[in-house]
Amino acid sequence: MVSTKRGSPMVPILGSTRGSATGQRTRSAATTWLTRASRSASESKAAITRRPRKPAAPVTTATKHAITGLTKSTSLDGRPFDIACGQIDIGNAATEMTARFAVGALQASGEIAPEPRMDVRHVVDAVLYMASLPLDANVQFLTVMATKMPLIGRG
């Protein structure tokens, strides 16, 4: 997540409390809550299904929702200080991290299938657009994804 303030460069705000007591308490609480919820969800799913599972899916979903909540909170709390905050969700940008998707990735159906990827330049263009806006305009949420991805907003 990135925050901007008039006259300042884009500054990452997640992890800005690294090393502080507040940051450690926040990480500890989030880890505890998400771990407990994730284990419970995984155990429930395992009990009702026998198809291959994506073990990280519950954690991925929970953290994505957490980022969305932080984006909204930062946007509202930052208004008096001219802080604008937006979130960009990226789907299958062609990077080293997604190279294996071209060969095949686990799908919701349990099968392995290749997934389309898009040029990472489209993500760069989207970030630059969001950062170029004046403080009286903001892109709250933006999704940039390969057009033919099998699912939208999964995880």
N, C-alpha and C. Protein backbone atom coordinates (compact mmCIF):
# COMPACT_ATOMS: atom_id res chain seq x y z
N MET A 1 0.86 -1.15 0.00
CA MET A 1 0.00 0.00 0.00
C MET A 1 0.91 1.22 0.00
N VAL A 2 0.52 2.24 -0.70
CA VAL A 2 1.34 3.43 -0.82
C VAL A 2 0.52 4.64 -0.42
N SER A 3 1.14 5.56 0.28
CA SER A 3 0.48 6.79 0.71
C SER A 3 1.23 7.97 0.12
N THR A 4 0.49 8.99 -0.29
CA THR A 4 1.13 10.19 -0.81
C THR A 4 0.64 11.40 -0.03
N LYS A 5 1.47 12.41 0.10
CA LYS A 5 1.11 13.64 0.77
C LYS A 5 1.65 14.77 -0.09
N ARG A 6 0.91 15.88 -0.14
CA ARG A 6 1.31 17.01 -0.98
C ARG A 6 2.78 17.36 -0.74
N GLY A 7 3.54 17.42 -1.82
CA GLY A 7 4.93 17.81 -1.75
C GLY A 7 5.88 16.69 -1.35
N SER A 8 5.36 15.50 -1.11
CA SER A 8 6.21 14.38 -0.70
C SER A 8 6.17 13.30 -1.76
N PRO A 9 7.24 12.51 -1.85
CA PRO A 9 7.22 11.38 -2.79
C PRO A 9 6.30 10.29 -2.27
N MET A 10 6.01 9.31 -3.13
CA MET A 10 5.21 8.16 -2.69
C MET A 10 6.00 7.45 -1.61
N VAL A 11 5.32 7.11 -0.52
CA VAL A 11 5.98 6.47 0.61
C VAL A 11 5.21 5.22 1.01
N PRO A 12 5.89 4.06 1.09
CA PRO A 12 5.18 2.86 1.55
C PRO A 12 4.78 3.05 3.01
N ILE A 13 3.53 2.72 3.34
CA ILE A 13 3.10 2.89 4.72
C ILE A 13 2.98 1.57 5.46
N LEU A 14 2.88 0.44 4.75
CA LEU A 14 2.87 -0.84 5.47
C LEU A 14 4.28 -1.13 5.93
N GLY A 15 4.41 -1.59 7.15
CA GLY A 15 5.71 -1.91 7.68
C GLY A 15 6.44 -0.69 8.21
N SER A 16 5.78 0.49 8.21
CA SER A 16 6.45 1.69 8.68
C SER A 16 6.67 1.66 10.18
N THR A 17 5.97 0.75 10.88
CA THR A 17 6.16 0.65 12.33
C THR A 17 7.11 -0.48 12.68
N ARG A 18 7.84 -0.98 11.69
CA ARG A 18 8.76 -2.10 11.90
C ARG A 18 9.71 -1.77 13.05
N GLY A 19 9.81 -2.71 13.99
CA GLY A 19 10.71 -2.54 15.10
C GLY A 19 10.09 -1.84 16.29
N SER A 20 8.99 -1.15 16.10
CA SER A 20 8.37 -0.46 17.22
C SER A 20 7.49 -1.43 18.00
N ALA A 21 7.21 -1.08 19.25
CA ALA A 21 6.35 -1.93 20.08
C ALA A 21 4.97 -2.03 19.47
N THR A 22 4.45 -0.92 18.92
CA THR A 22 3.13 -0.94 18.30
C THR A 22 3.12 -1.86 17.10
N GLY A 23 4.15 -1.79 16.28
CA GLY A 23 4.24 -2.65 15.11
C GLY A 23 4.32 -4.11 15.49
N GLN A 24 5.09 -4.43 16.53
CA GLN A 24 5.21 -5.81 16.98
C GLN A 24 3.89 -6.34 17.52
N ARG A 25 3.17 -5.51 18.28
CA ARG A 25 1.86 -5.93 18.81
C ARG A 25 0.87 -6.14 17.67
N THR A 26 0.90 -5.26 16.68
CA THR A 26 -0.01 -5.38 15.54
C THR A 26 0.27 -6.66 14.77
N ARG A 27 1.56 -6.92 14.47
CA ARG A 27 1.92 -8.14 13.75
C ARG A 27 1.56 -9.38 14.53
N SER A 28 1.77 -9.35 15.84
CA SER A 28 1.46 -10.50 16.68
C SER A 28 -0.04 -10.78 16.69
N ALA A 29 -0.84 -9.74 16.85
CA ALA A 29 -2.29 -9.91 16.88
C ALA A 29 -2.80 -10.40 15.53
N ALA A 30 -2.33 -9.79 14.45
CA ALA A 30 -2.79 -10.19 13.11
C ALA A 30 -2.39 -11.64 12.82
N THR A 31 -1.17 -12.00 13.18
CA THR A 31 -0.71 -13.37 12.96
C THR A 31 -1.58 -14.35 13.74
N THR A 32 -1.86 -14.04 14.98
CA THR A 32 -2.69 -14.93 15.81
C THR A 32 -4.09 -15.08 15.22
N TRP A 33 -4.73 -13.98 14.92
CA TRP A 33 -6.11 -14.03 14.40
C TRP A 33 -6.17 -14.75 13.07
N LEU A 34 -5.27 -14.39 12.16
CA LEU A 34 -5.31 -14.99 10.83
C LEU A 34 -4.92 -16.47 10.87
N THR A 35 -3.97 -16.81 11.72
CA THR A 35 -3.55 -18.22 11.81
C THR A 35 -4.69 -19.08 12.35
N ARG A 36 -5.34 -18.63 13.41
CA ARG A 36 -6.45 -19.41 13.98
C ARG A 36 -7.59 -19.56 12.98
N ALA A 37 -7.95 -18.46 12.34
CA ALA A 37 -9.05 -18.52 11.36
C ALA A 37 -8.68 -19.40 10.18
N SER A 38 -7.44 -19.29 9.72
CA SER A 38 -6.99 -20.08 8.58
C SER A 38 -6.99 -21.57 8.90
N ARG A 39 -6.50 -21.93 10.07
CA ARG A 39 -6.50 -23.35 10.46
C ARG A 39 -7.91 -23.91 10.53
N SER A 40 -8.80 -23.14 11.12
CA SER A 40 -10.19 -23.58 11.24
C SER A 40 -10.82 -23.77 9.86
N ALA A 41 -10.61 -22.81 8.97
CA ALA A 41 -11.17 -22.91 7.62
C ALA A 41 -10.57 -24.08 6.86
N SER A 42 -9.27 -24.29 6.98
CA SER A 42 -8.61 -25.39 6.29
C SER A 42 -9.11 -26.74 6.79
N GLU A 43 -9.27 -26.87 8.09
CA GLU A 43 -9.76 -28.13 8.66
C GLU A 43 -11.19 -28.41 8.20
N SER A 44 -12.01 -27.37 8.15
CA SER A 44 -13.39 -27.54 7.69
C SER A 44 -13.43 -27.97 6.24
N LYS A 45 -12.63 -27.33 5.40
CA LYS A 45 -12.60 -27.69 3.98
C LYS A 45 -12.10 -29.12 3.78
N ALA A 46 -11.07 -29.49 4.54
CA ALA A 46 -10.51 -30.84 4.40
C ALA A 46 -11.54 -31.90 4.76
N ALA A 47 -12.40 -31.57 5.69
CA ALA A 47 -13.41 -32.54 6.13
C ALA A 47 -14.51 -32.75 5.09
N ILE A 48 -14.75 -31.76 4.24
CA ILE A 48 -15.86 -31.88 3.30
C ILE A 48 -15.45 -32.10 1.85
N THR A 49 -14.17 -32.07 1.56
CA THR A 49 -13.75 -32.24 0.17
C THR A 49 -12.51 -33.12 0.08
N ARG A 50 -12.37 -33.78 -1.01
CA ARG A 50 -11.20 -34.64 -1.23
C ARG A 50 -10.37 -34.16 -2.42
N ARG A 51 -10.79 -33.11 -3.08
CA ARG A 51 -10.00 -32.64 -4.22
C ARG A 51 -8.78 -31.86 -3.72
N PRO A 52 -7.78 -31.67 -4.57
CA PRO A 52 -6.57 -30.95 -4.14
C PRO A 52 -6.92 -29.56 -3.62
N ARG A 53 -6.27 -29.18 -2.55
CA ARG A 53 -6.51 -27.86 -1.95
C ARG A 53 -5.37 -26.92 -2.28
N LYS A 54 -5.70 -25.65 -2.24
CA LYS A 54 -4.67 -24.63 -2.33
C LYS A 54 -4.44 -24.17 -0.89
N PRO A 55 -3.41 -24.68 -0.23
CA PRO A 55 -3.24 -24.44 1.20
C PRO A 55 -3.12 -22.98 1.59
N ALA A 56 -2.64 -22.14 0.70
CA ALA A 56 -2.46 -20.72 1.05
C ALA A 56 -3.71 -19.89 0.78
N ALA A 57 -4.73 -20.45 0.14
CA ALA A 57 -5.90 -19.67 -0.24
C ALA A 57 -6.58 -18.94 0.92
N PRO A 58 -6.83 -19.59 2.06
CA PRO A 58 -7.48 -18.84 3.15
C PRO A 58 -6.64 -17.68 3.65
N VAL A 59 -5.34 -17.89 3.76
CA VAL A 59 -4.46 -16.82 4.24
C VAL A 59 -4.40 -15.69 3.21
N THR A 60 -4.31 -16.06 1.94
CA THR A 60 -4.28 -15.06 0.87
C THR A 60 -5.54 -14.21 0.90
N THR A 61 -6.70 -14.85 1.02
CA THR A 61 -7.96 -14.13 1.06
C THR A 61 -8.02 -13.21 2.27
N ALA A 62 -7.65 -13.71 3.43
CA ALA A 62 -7.70 -12.91 4.65
C ALA A 62 -6.79 -11.69 4.56
N THR A 63 -5.58 -11.88 4.04
CA THR A 63 -4.66 -10.75 3.97
C THR A 63 -5.10 -9.73 2.92
N LYS A 64 -5.71 -10.20 1.83
CA LYS A 64 -6.22 -9.26 0.82
C LYS A 64 -7.32 -8.39 1.42
N HIS A 65 -8.20 -8.99 2.21
CA HIS A 65 -9.26 -8.20 2.86
C HIS A 65 -8.67 -7.26 3.90
N ALA A 66 -7.61 -7.69 4.58
CA ALA A 66 -6.95 -6.81 5.56
C ALA A 66 -6.36 -5.59 4.86
N ILE A 67 -5.73 -5.78 3.72
CA ILE A 67 -5.16 -4.66 2.96
C ILE A 67 -6.26 -3.71 2.51
N THR A 68 -7.39 -4.26 2.08
CA THR A 68 -8.52 -3.42 1.67
C THR A 68 -9.00 -2.57 2.85
N GLY A 69 -9.10 -3.17 4.02
CA GLY A 69 -9.51 -2.42 5.21
C GLY A 69 -8.52 -1.33 5.56
N LEU A 70 -7.22 -1.63 5.46
CA LEU A 70 -6.21 -0.61 5.73
C LEU A 70 -6.26 0.52 4.71
N THR A 71 -6.54 0.17 3.46
CA THR A 71 -6.64 1.19 2.41
C THR A 71 -7.79 2.15 2.74
N LYS A 72 -8.94 1.60 3.08
CA LYS A 72 -10.10 2.43 3.42
C LYS A 72 -9.83 3.29 4.65
N SER A 73 -9.26 2.67 5.68
CA SER A 73 -8.97 3.39 6.92
C SER A 73 -7.98 4.52 6.69
N THR A 74 -6.91 4.23 5.95
CA THR A 74 -5.91 5.25 5.66
C THR A 74 -6.50 6.39 4.84
N SER A 75 -7.37 6.06 3.90
CA SER A 75 -8.00 7.09 3.08
C SER A 75 -8.84 8.03 3.94
N LEU A 76 -9.62 7.46 4.83
CA LEU A 76 -10.49 8.28 5.69
C LEU A 76 -9.67 9.06 6.72
N ASP A 77 -8.77 8.38 7.39
CA ASP A 77 -7.97 9.03 8.44
C ASP A 77 -6.98 10.04 7.88
N GLY A 78 -6.59 9.87 6.63
CA GLY A 78 -5.59 10.76 6.03
C GLY A 78 -6.15 12.03 5.43
N ARG A 79 -7.46 12.12 5.26
CA ARG A 79 -8.05 13.30 4.61
C ARG A 79 -7.65 14.63 5.25
N PRO A 80 -7.69 14.75 6.58
CA PRO A 80 -7.32 16.06 7.17
C PRO A 80 -5.87 16.45 6.93
N PHE A 81 -5.05 15.50 6.53
CA PHE A 81 -3.62 15.74 6.34
C PHE A 81 -3.21 15.70 4.87
N ASP A 82 -4.20 15.77 3.96
CA ASP A 82 -3.94 15.70 2.52
C ASP A 82 -3.23 14.41 2.12
N ILE A 83 -3.61 13.30 2.75
CA ILE A 83 -3.06 12.00 2.40
C ILE A 83 -4.10 11.26 1.58
N ALA A 84 -3.73 10.86 0.37
CA ALA A 84 -4.59 10.05 -0.48
C ALA A 84 -4.02 8.64 -0.51
N CYS A 85 -4.89 7.66 -0.50
CA CYS A 85 -4.43 6.27 -0.49
C CYS A 85 -5.29 5.45 -1.43
N GLY A 86 -4.66 4.63 -2.23
CA GLY A 86 -5.39 3.75 -3.14
C GLY A 86 -4.75 2.38 -3.16
N GLN A 87 -5.50 1.42 -3.64
CA GLN A 87 -5.03 0.03 -3.69
C GLN A 87 -5.06 -0.45 -5.12
N ILE A 88 -4.01 -1.14 -5.52
CA ILE A 88 -3.98 -1.73 -6.86
C ILE A 88 -3.84 -3.25 -6.71
N ASP A 89 -4.74 -3.97 -7.33
CA ASP A 89 -4.69 -5.43 -7.33
C ASP A 89 -4.18 -5.86 -8.71
N ILE A 90 -3.18 -6.73 -8.69
CA ILE A 90 -2.51 -7.12 -9.92
C ILE A 90 -2.77 -8.60 -10.18
N GLY A 91 -3.24 -8.90 -11.38
CA GLY A 91 -3.51 -10.28 -11.75
C GLY A 91 -2.64 -10.78 -12.88
N ASN A 92 -1.67 -11.61 -12.52
CA ASN A 92 -0.82 -12.31 -13.48
C ASN A 92 0.02 -11.41 -14.38
N ALA A 93 0.73 -10.47 -13.77
CA ALA A 93 1.71 -9.70 -14.52
C ALA A 93 2.87 -10.64 -14.86
N ALA A 94 3.38 -10.53 -16.06
CA ALA A 94 4.47 -11.41 -16.51
C ALA A 94 5.77 -11.00 -15.84
N THR A 95 6.04 -11.66 -14.74
CA THR A 95 7.27 -11.43 -13.98
C THR A 95 7.90 -12.79 -13.70
N GLU A 96 9.07 -12.78 -13.11
CA GLU A 96 9.74 -14.02 -12.73
C GLU A 96 8.84 -14.84 -11.79
N MET A 97 8.10 -14.14 -10.91
CA MET A 97 7.25 -14.83 -9.94
C MET A 97 6.12 -15.62 -10.61
N THR A 98 5.62 -15.14 -11.74
CA THR A 98 4.48 -15.80 -12.40
C THR A 98 4.90 -16.66 -13.60
N ALA A 99 6.18 -16.84 -13.81
CA ALA A 99 6.66 -17.61 -14.97
C ALA A 99 6.05 -19.01 -15.00
N ARG A 100 5.91 -19.64 -13.84
CA ARG A 100 5.36 -21.00 -13.79
C ARG A 100 3.89 -21.05 -14.20
N PHE A 101 3.17 -19.92 -14.14
CA PHE A 101 1.76 -19.90 -14.53
C PHE A 101 1.57 -20.23 -16.01
N ALA A 102 2.55 -19.87 -16.83
CA ALA A 102 2.47 -20.15 -18.26
C ALA A 102 2.50 -21.65 -18.52
N VAL A 103 3.16 -22.40 -17.64
CA VAL A 103 3.23 -23.85 -17.77
C VAL A 103 1.97 -24.49 -17.18
N GLY A 104 1.57 -24.01 -16.01
CA GLY A 104 0.37 -24.55 -15.38
C GLY A 104 0.30 -24.19 -13.92
N ALA A 105 -0.90 -23.84 -13.46
CA ALA A 105 -1.13 -23.48 -12.06
C ALA A 105 -2.37 -24.23 -11.57
N LEU A 106 -2.40 -24.51 -10.29
CA LEU A 106 -3.54 -25.20 -9.70
C LEU A 106 -4.78 -24.33 -9.80
N GLN A 107 -5.85 -24.89 -10.35
CA GLN A 107 -7.10 -24.18 -10.54
C GLN A 107 -8.10 -24.55 -9.44
N ALA A 108 -9.19 -23.78 -9.33
CA ALA A 108 -10.21 -24.06 -8.32
C ALA A 108 -10.80 -25.45 -8.50
N SER A 109 -10.82 -25.95 -9.72
CA SER A 109 -11.36 -27.28 -10.02
C SER A 109 -10.43 -28.41 -9.56
N GLY A 110 -9.20 -28.05 -9.19
CA GLY A 110 -8.22 -29.05 -8.78
C GLY A 110 -7.27 -29.46 -9.88
N GLU A 111 -7.55 -29.04 -11.12
CA GLU A 111 -6.65 -29.40 -12.22
C GLU A 111 -5.56 -28.36 -12.39
N ILE A 112 -4.52 -28.75 -13.10
CA ILE A 112 -3.41 -27.85 -13.42
C ILE A 112 -3.64 -27.35 -14.85
N ALA A 113 -3.61 -26.04 -15.03
CA ALA A 113 -3.81 -25.48 -16.37
C ALA A 113 -2.96 -24.22 -16.52
N PRO A 114 -2.49 -23.96 -17.75
CA PRO A 114 -1.74 -22.72 -17.99
C PRO A 114 -2.65 -21.51 -17.78
N GLU A 115 -2.06 -20.42 -17.32
CA GLU A 115 -2.81 -19.18 -17.14
C GLU A 115 -2.19 -18.06 -17.96
N PRO A 116 -3.02 -17.21 -18.53
CA PRO A 116 -2.50 -16.08 -19.30
C PRO A 116 -1.82 -15.07 -18.37
N ARG A 117 -0.84 -14.37 -18.94
CA ARG A 117 -0.16 -13.31 -18.20
C ARG A 117 -0.15 -12.06 -19.06
N MET A 118 0.07 -10.93 -18.43
CA MET A 118 0.11 -9.65 -19.15
C MET A 118 1.47 -9.00 -18.95
N ASP A 119 1.80 -8.10 -19.83
CA ASP A 119 3.06 -7.35 -19.74
C ASP A 119 3.05 -6.52 -18.47
N VAL A 120 4.11 -6.59 -17.68
CA VAL A 120 4.21 -5.87 -16.41
C VAL A 120 4.16 -4.36 -16.63
N ARG A 121 4.43 -3.91 -17.83
CA ARG A 121 4.38 -2.46 -18.14
C ARG A 121 2.98 -1.90 -17.87
N HIS A 122 1.94 -2.72 -18.04
CA HIS A 122 0.58 -2.25 -17.78
C HIS A 122 0.39 -1.92 -16.30
N VAL A 123 1.03 -2.67 -15.45
CA VAL A 123 0.98 -2.39 -14.00
C VAL A 123 1.72 -1.09 -13.70
N VAL A 124 2.90 -0.93 -14.30
CA VAL A 124 3.67 0.29 -14.11
C VAL A 124 2.85 1.50 -14.55
N ASP A 125 2.21 1.42 -15.69
CA ASP A 125 1.40 2.52 -16.18
C ASP A 125 0.26 2.85 -15.22
N ALA A 126 -0.36 1.82 -14.64
CA ALA A 126 -1.47 2.03 -13.70
C ALA A 126 -0.98 2.72 -12.43
N VAL A 127 0.16 2.28 -11.91
CA VAL A 127 0.72 2.90 -10.70
C VAL A 127 1.09 4.36 -10.98
N LEU A 128 1.72 4.62 -12.12
CA LEU A 128 2.09 5.98 -12.48
C LEU A 128 0.86 6.87 -12.62
N TYR A 129 -0.22 6.33 -13.19
CA TYR A 129 -1.46 7.10 -13.31
C TYR A 129 -2.00 7.45 -11.92
N MET A 130 -2.06 6.46 -11.04
CA MET A 130 -2.58 6.71 -9.69
C MET A 130 -1.73 7.77 -8.98
N ALA A 131 -0.43 7.69 -9.11
CA ALA A 131 0.47 8.63 -8.45
C ALA A 131 0.43 10.02 -9.06
N SER A 132 0.00 10.12 -10.31
CA SER A 132 0.00 11.42 -10.99
C SER A 132 -1.22 12.28 -10.66
N LEU A 133 -2.22 11.69 -10.04
CA LEU A 133 -3.43 12.45 -9.76
C LEU A 133 -3.20 13.51 -8.69
N PRO A 134 -3.87 14.65 -8.83
CA PRO A 134 -3.79 15.67 -7.78
C PRO A 134 -4.56 15.17 -6.55
N LEU A 135 -4.34 15.80 -5.40
CA LEU A 135 -4.96 15.33 -4.16
C LEU A 135 -6.47 15.49 -4.12
N ASP A 136 -7.04 16.23 -5.07
CA ASP A 136 -8.51 16.33 -5.08
C ASP A 136 -9.15 15.21 -5.90
N ALA A 137 -8.33 14.25 -6.37
CA ALA A 137 -8.84 13.08 -7.10
C ALA A 137 -8.04 11.85 -6.63
N ASN A 138 -8.70 10.71 -6.59
CA ASN A 138 -8.04 9.50 -6.11
C ASN A 138 -8.66 8.27 -6.77
N VAL A 139 -7.83 7.30 -7.07
CA VAL A 139 -8.32 5.99 -7.47
C VAL A 139 -8.28 5.14 -6.21
N GLN A 140 -9.44 4.86 -5.64
CA GLN A 140 -9.49 4.11 -4.39
C GLN A 140 -9.06 2.66 -4.60
N PHE A 141 -9.62 2.01 -5.63
CA PHE A 141 -9.29 0.62 -5.93
C PHE A 141 -9.15 0.45 -7.43
N LEU A 142 -8.13 -0.30 -7.84
CA LEU A 142 -7.90 -0.55 -9.25
C LEU A 142 -7.39 -1.97 -9.42
N THR A 143 -7.97 -2.69 -10.36
CA THR A 143 -7.51 -4.04 -10.67
C THR A 143 -6.95 -4.05 -12.09
N VAL A 144 -5.72 -4.50 -12.24
CA VAL A 144 -5.10 -4.66 -13.55
C VAL A 144 -4.77 -6.15 -13.68
N MET A 145 -5.34 -6.78 -14.70
CA MET A 145 -5.17 -8.23 -14.81
C MET A 145 -5.14 -8.68 -16.26
N ALA A 146 -4.60 -9.86 -16.47
CA ALA A 146 -4.63 -10.47 -17.79
C ALA A 146 -6.10 -10.71 -18.15
N THR A 147 -6.52 -10.29 -19.32
CA THR A 147 -7.93 -10.34 -19.71
C THR A 147 -8.53 -11.73 -19.62
N LYS A 148 -7.77 -12.75 -19.96
CA LYS A 148 -8.34 -14.10 -20.01
C LYS A 148 -8.02 -14.95 -18.78
N MET A 149 -7.79 -14.29 -17.65
CA MET A 149 -7.57 -15.06 -16.42
C MET A 149 -8.81 -15.90 -16.15
N PRO A 150 -8.62 -17.12 -15.61
CA PRO A 150 -9.77 -18.02 -15.41
C PRO A 150 -10.75 -17.53 -14.36
N LEU A 151 -10.28 -16.78 -13.37
CA LEU A 151 -11.16 -16.28 -12.32
C LEU A 151 -10.84 -14.82 -12.05
N ILE A 152 -11.81 -14.10 -11.56
CA ILE A 152 -11.61 -12.71 -11.19
C ILE A 152 -11.73 -12.60 -9.69
N GLY A 153 -10.73 -12.02 -9.05
CA GLY A 153 -10.78 -11.80 -7.62
C GLY A 153 -10.69 -13.04 -6.76
N ARG A 154 -10.05 -14.07 -7.28
CA ARG A 154 -9.94 -15.29 -6.47
C ARG A 154 -8.95 -15.07 -5.34
N GLY A 155 -8.94 -16.03 -4.44
CA GLY A 155 -7.98 -15.98 -3.35
C GLY A 155 -8.43 -15.08 -2.34
